[in-house]
Protein backbone atom coordinates (compact mmCIF):
# COMPACT_ATOMS: atom_id res chain seq x y z
CA MET A 1 201.06 137.54 125.28
CA THR A 2 200.89 135.37 128.39
CA SER A 3 197.32 134.51 129.42
CA ILE A 4 196.77 133.99 133.15
CA LEU A 5 193.82 132.78 135.22
CA ILE A 6 193.88 133.88 138.86
CA THR A 7 191.31 133.02 141.50
CA GLY A 8 190.37 135.21 144.44
CA ALA A 9 191.18 138.34 142.44
CA SER A 10 188.84 140.84 144.06
CA ARG A 11 190.91 141.78 147.10
CA GLY A 12 194.16 141.33 148.99
CA ILE A 13 196.88 139.25 147.37
CA GLY A 14 194.68 138.34 144.41
CA ALA A 15 193.82 141.93 143.53
CA ALA A 16 197.46 143.00 143.90
CA ALA A 17 198.62 140.11 141.72
CA HIS A 18 195.96 140.90 139.12
CA THR A 19 197.31 144.45 138.93
CA ALA A 20 200.97 143.38 138.84
CA LEU A 21 200.42 140.82 136.09
CA LYS A 22 198.48 143.27 133.94
CA ALA A 23 201.25 145.83 134.41
CA ALA A 24 203.70 143.18 133.19
CA GLY A 25 201.78 142.95 129.92
CA CYS A 26 199.87 139.75 130.62
CA THR A 27 196.27 139.03 129.74
CA VAL A 28 194.71 138.40 133.15
CA ILE A 29 191.40 136.64 133.74
CA GLY A 30 190.26 136.94 137.34
CA GLN A 31 187.68 135.16 139.47
CA SER A 32 185.75 136.16 142.56
CA THR A 33 182.73 134.74 144.28
CA THR A 34 180.35 137.46 143.10
CA GLY A 35 182.14 138.69 139.97
CA GLY A 36 181.95 142.33 138.92
CA ASP A 37 184.69 144.61 137.59
CA GLY A 38 185.38 142.17 134.78
CA LEU A 39 185.90 139.18 137.05
CA ILE A 40 184.21 135.83 136.47
CA ALA A 41 181.71 134.94 139.19
CA ALA A 42 182.26 131.47 140.64
CA ASP A 43 181.43 130.15 144.10
CA LEU A 44 184.29 127.73 144.65
CA ALA A 45 182.54 126.22 147.65
CA ALA A 46 180.11 124.60 145.20
CA GLN A 47 180.99 121.19 143.81
CA ARG A 48 182.51 121.32 140.31
CA ALA A 49 182.37 125.14 140.25
CA ALA A 50 185.99 125.16 139.07
CA ASP A 51 184.99 123.23 135.95
CA ALA A 52 182.60 125.95 134.81
CA LEU A 53 185.16 128.61 135.75
CA TRP A 54 187.79 126.93 133.60
CA GLU A 55 185.50 126.85 130.57
CA GLN A 56 184.59 130.53 130.94
CA ALA A 57 188.22 131.52 131.41
CA LEU A 58 189.29 129.48 128.40
CA ALA A 59 186.68 131.21 126.27
CA ARG A 60 187.91 134.63 127.39
CA ALA A 61 191.48 133.58 126.64
CA ASN A 62 190.57 132.49 123.11
CA GLY A 63 191.34 128.89 123.89
CA ARG A 64 194.79 129.24 125.45
CA ILE A 65 195.75 129.67 129.10
CA ASP A 66 199.45 129.75 129.96
CA VAL A 67 199.41 130.17 133.75
CA VAL A 68 196.99 129.29 136.54
CA VAL A 69 197.28 131.02 139.92
CA ASN A 70 195.25 129.33 142.66
CA ASN A 71 194.87 132.12 145.19
CA ALA A 72 191.26 131.89 146.41
CA GLY A 73 190.92 131.02 150.06
CA VAL A 74 188.84 131.30 153.22
CA PHE A 75 189.96 131.48 156.83
CA GLU A 76 187.00 130.76 159.08
CA ALA A 77 187.03 129.53 162.67
CA ALA A 78 185.89 126.03 163.59
CA SER A 79 185.57 125.20 167.28
CA ILE A 80 186.09 121.60 168.33
CA ASP A 81 183.21 122.12 170.80
CA ASP A 82 180.66 122.44 167.98
CA ALA A 83 180.40 119.18 166.00
CA ASP A 84 178.06 120.50 163.30
CA GLY A 85 179.98 123.74 162.87
CA PHE A 86 183.27 121.86 162.82
CA ALA A 87 182.09 119.56 160.01
CA THR A 88 180.61 122.44 158.02
CA ALA A 89 183.75 124.56 158.32
CA TRP A 90 185.99 121.66 157.30
CA ALA A 91 183.90 120.88 154.23
CA ARG A 92 183.81 124.52 153.13
CA SER A 93 187.52 125.07 153.81
CA LEU A 94 188.62 121.99 151.91
CA ALA A 95 186.29 122.81 149.01
CA ILE A 96 187.62 126.33 148.53
CA ASN A 97 191.20 126.07 149.78
CA LEU A 98 192.09 122.72 148.23
CA GLN A 99 189.51 120.95 146.05
CA SER A 100 188.85 123.89 143.73
CA ALA A 101 192.61 124.37 143.32
CA ALA A 102 193.00 120.67 142.55
CA ASP A 103 190.23 120.85 139.96
CA LEU A 104 191.86 123.82 138.23
CA CYS A 105 195.25 122.11 138.36
CA ARG A 106 193.71 119.08 136.66
CA HIS A 107 192.31 121.23 133.88
CA ALA A 108 195.58 123.11 133.58
CA VAL A 109 197.73 119.98 133.30
CA LEU A 110 195.49 118.48 130.61
CA HIS A 111 195.47 121.79 128.74
CA PHE A 112 199.22 122.30 129.06
CA GLN A 113 199.87 118.78 127.77
CA GLN A 114 198.16 119.80 124.55
CA HIS A 115 199.92 123.16 124.24
CA GLY A 116 203.56 122.54 125.08
CA GLY A 117 203.55 123.35 128.78
CA GLY A 118 202.54 126.04 131.22
CA ARG A 119 202.84 127.17 134.81
CA ILE A 120 200.85 126.60 137.98
CA ILE A 121 201.27 128.79 141.06
CA ASN A 122 199.53 127.68 144.23
CA VAL A 123 199.22 130.26 146.99
CA ALA A 124 199.39 128.16 150.15
CA SER A 125 200.38 129.43 153.60
CA ARG A 126 202.98 129.24 156.32
CA ALA A 127 200.27 127.27 158.12
CA GLY A 128 200.85 124.41 155.71
CA HIS A 129 204.30 123.97 157.27
CA ARG A 130 203.82 124.84 160.94
CA GLY A 131 200.11 124.44 161.58
CA ASP A 132 197.69 127.09 162.77
CA SER A 133 195.46 128.03 165.70
CA PRO A 134 193.18 125.61 167.59
CA ASN A 135 190.24 126.92 165.56
CA HIS A 136 191.93 126.55 162.18
CA TRP A 137 193.03 122.93 161.82
CA HIS A 138 191.17 122.78 158.53
CA TYR A 139 193.05 125.73 157.06
CA ALA A 140 196.47 124.27 157.88
CA ALA A 141 195.41 120.86 156.56
CA ALA A 142 194.16 122.31 153.28
CA LYS A 143 197.29 124.38 152.74
CA GLY A 144 199.51 121.43 153.60
CA GLY A 145 197.61 119.43 151.01
CA MET A 146 198.16 122.19 148.47
CA LEU A 147 201.93 122.00 149.06
CA ALA A 148 201.96 118.23 148.56
CA MET A 149 199.85 118.58 145.41
CA THR A 150 202.23 121.17 143.98
CA LYS A 151 205.24 118.90 144.51
CA SER A 152 203.41 115.97 142.95
CA ILE A 153 202.52 117.96 139.84
CA ALA A 154 206.06 119.30 139.50
CA ARG A 155 207.60 115.83 139.71
CA ALA A 156 205.07 114.19 137.42
CA TYR A 157 204.98 116.66 134.54
CA ALA A 158 208.24 118.64 134.43
CA ALA A 159 209.43 116.68 131.39
CA GLN A 160 206.37 118.00 129.53
CA GLY A 161 207.20 121.61 130.27
CA ILE A 162 204.57 121.87 133.00
CA LEU A 163 205.98 123.78 135.97
CA ALA A 164 204.44 124.06 139.43
CA PHE A 165 205.38 126.41 142.26
CA ALA A 166 203.95 127.16 145.69
CA ILE A 167 204.05 130.32 147.77
CA THR A 168 203.69 130.28 151.54
CA PRO A 169 202.92 133.73 152.92
CA GLY A 170 202.75 134.32 156.62
CA PHE A 171 200.55 137.16 157.75
CA THR A 172 199.72 139.46 154.86
CA MET A 173 197.74 142.61 155.46
CA THR A 174 194.52 141.47 153.82
CA GLY A 175 191.03 141.34 155.26
CA MET A 176 191.55 137.80 156.57
CA ALA A 177 194.81 138.67 158.30
CA GLU A 178 193.48 141.88 159.80
CA GLU A 179 190.61 139.98 161.43
CA TYR A 180 192.94 137.30 162.71
CA LEU A 181 195.46 139.75 164.14
CA ALA A 182 192.71 141.65 165.93
CA SER A 183 191.23 138.49 167.39
CA ARG A 184 194.50 137.15 168.79
CA GLY A 185 196.35 140.23 169.99
CA GLY A 186 198.19 141.83 167.10
CA ASP A 187 201.19 143.09 169.04
CA LYS A 188 202.10 139.64 170.35
CA LEU A 189 201.85 138.08 166.94
CA LEU A 190 203.90 140.82 165.32
CA ALA A 191 206.61 140.23 167.93
CA ASP A 192 207.04 136.75 166.40
CA ILE A 193 208.01 138.27 163.03
CA PRO A 194 211.71 139.20 162.96
CA LEU A 195 211.09 141.65 160.13
CA GLY A 196 208.79 143.54 162.50
CA ARG A 197 205.80 143.77 160.20
CA VAL A 198 203.49 141.64 158.11
CA ALA A 199 203.97 141.35 154.36
CA SER A 200 202.10 143.63 152.01
CA PRO A 201 199.88 142.17 149.27
CA GLN A 202 202.19 143.84 146.76
CA GLU A 203 205.19 141.88 148.02
CA VAL A 204 203.38 138.59 147.55
CA ALA A 205 202.03 139.78 144.21
CA GLU A 206 205.55 140.48 142.98
CA THR A 207 206.51 136.92 143.88
CA ILE A 208 203.54 135.64 141.88
CA ARG A 209 204.46 137.86 138.93
CA TRP A 210 208.02 136.52 138.92
CA LEU A 211 206.95 132.89 139.12
CA ALA A 212 204.36 133.42 136.38
CA THR A 213 206.69 135.13 133.94
CA THR A 214 210.43 134.92 134.46
CA ALA A 215 211.31 132.39 137.17
CA PRO A 216 213.68 129.71 135.79
CA ALA A 217 212.22 126.33 134.90
CA SER A 218 214.61 124.56 137.27
CA LEU A 219 212.74 126.14 140.18
CA THR A 220 209.75 123.88 139.53
CA GLY A 221 208.55 122.09 142.65
CA ALA A 222 209.87 124.80 144.94
CA THR A 223 207.99 126.52 147.73
CA ILE A 224 208.76 130.21 148.21
CA ASP A 225 208.37 131.38 151.82
CA ILE A 226 207.39 135.01 152.29
CA ASN A 227 206.79 135.54 155.99
CA GLY A 228 209.41 137.94 157.38
CA ALA A 229 211.43 135.01 158.81
CA SER A 230 208.62 134.12 161.21
CA TYR A 231 209.00 130.56 159.99
CA VAL A 232 212.19 129.29 158.38
CA ARG A 233 212.95 125.80 157.10
């Protein structure tokens, strides 16, 4: 049975992916900041929190993890007019959106090298390609870094059976997206999506399930866009 660690599993995309992967017959170990409902509690803003999370997840998985899904993220405004707030927001965003994912990727690669391979799925964002709002430089930068990290892992370790994929959702109807849409005029933003609506968490979750279980190995290094054609490459 495939054993999967997924971060940010308490709501939105993470919760939907947790459900989809369990329905597919996988053993799913989830993380959230506060824990509860069987999830491991880990504050990924704290330095080296991912290390402790990995050890707890490995224990729950009886020593073998096959797939890591880095989904945890924050989307908090940082005004360039507030130097202290800007620095704080950048540090927190990079810690959660990028550094914790990098730490888990490091653990995963070392673990997979000992066990004949595995899969990494990094949930990035359309913002990693096209940038984001004036108050969210940090978010775009972190997600762009996640994309570059995914490609680096794929190229470095494919011969060892270690596969890495990225997903770049646009707006997805989660708590973060709902707040953002409301703050910037939802109708205008929706008009920029040719599909006419934002993605559902279940649509993104299905993409994660496919990459975690049945996507072909030759897809390693790829980024899957899921944004209703609001950004095409």
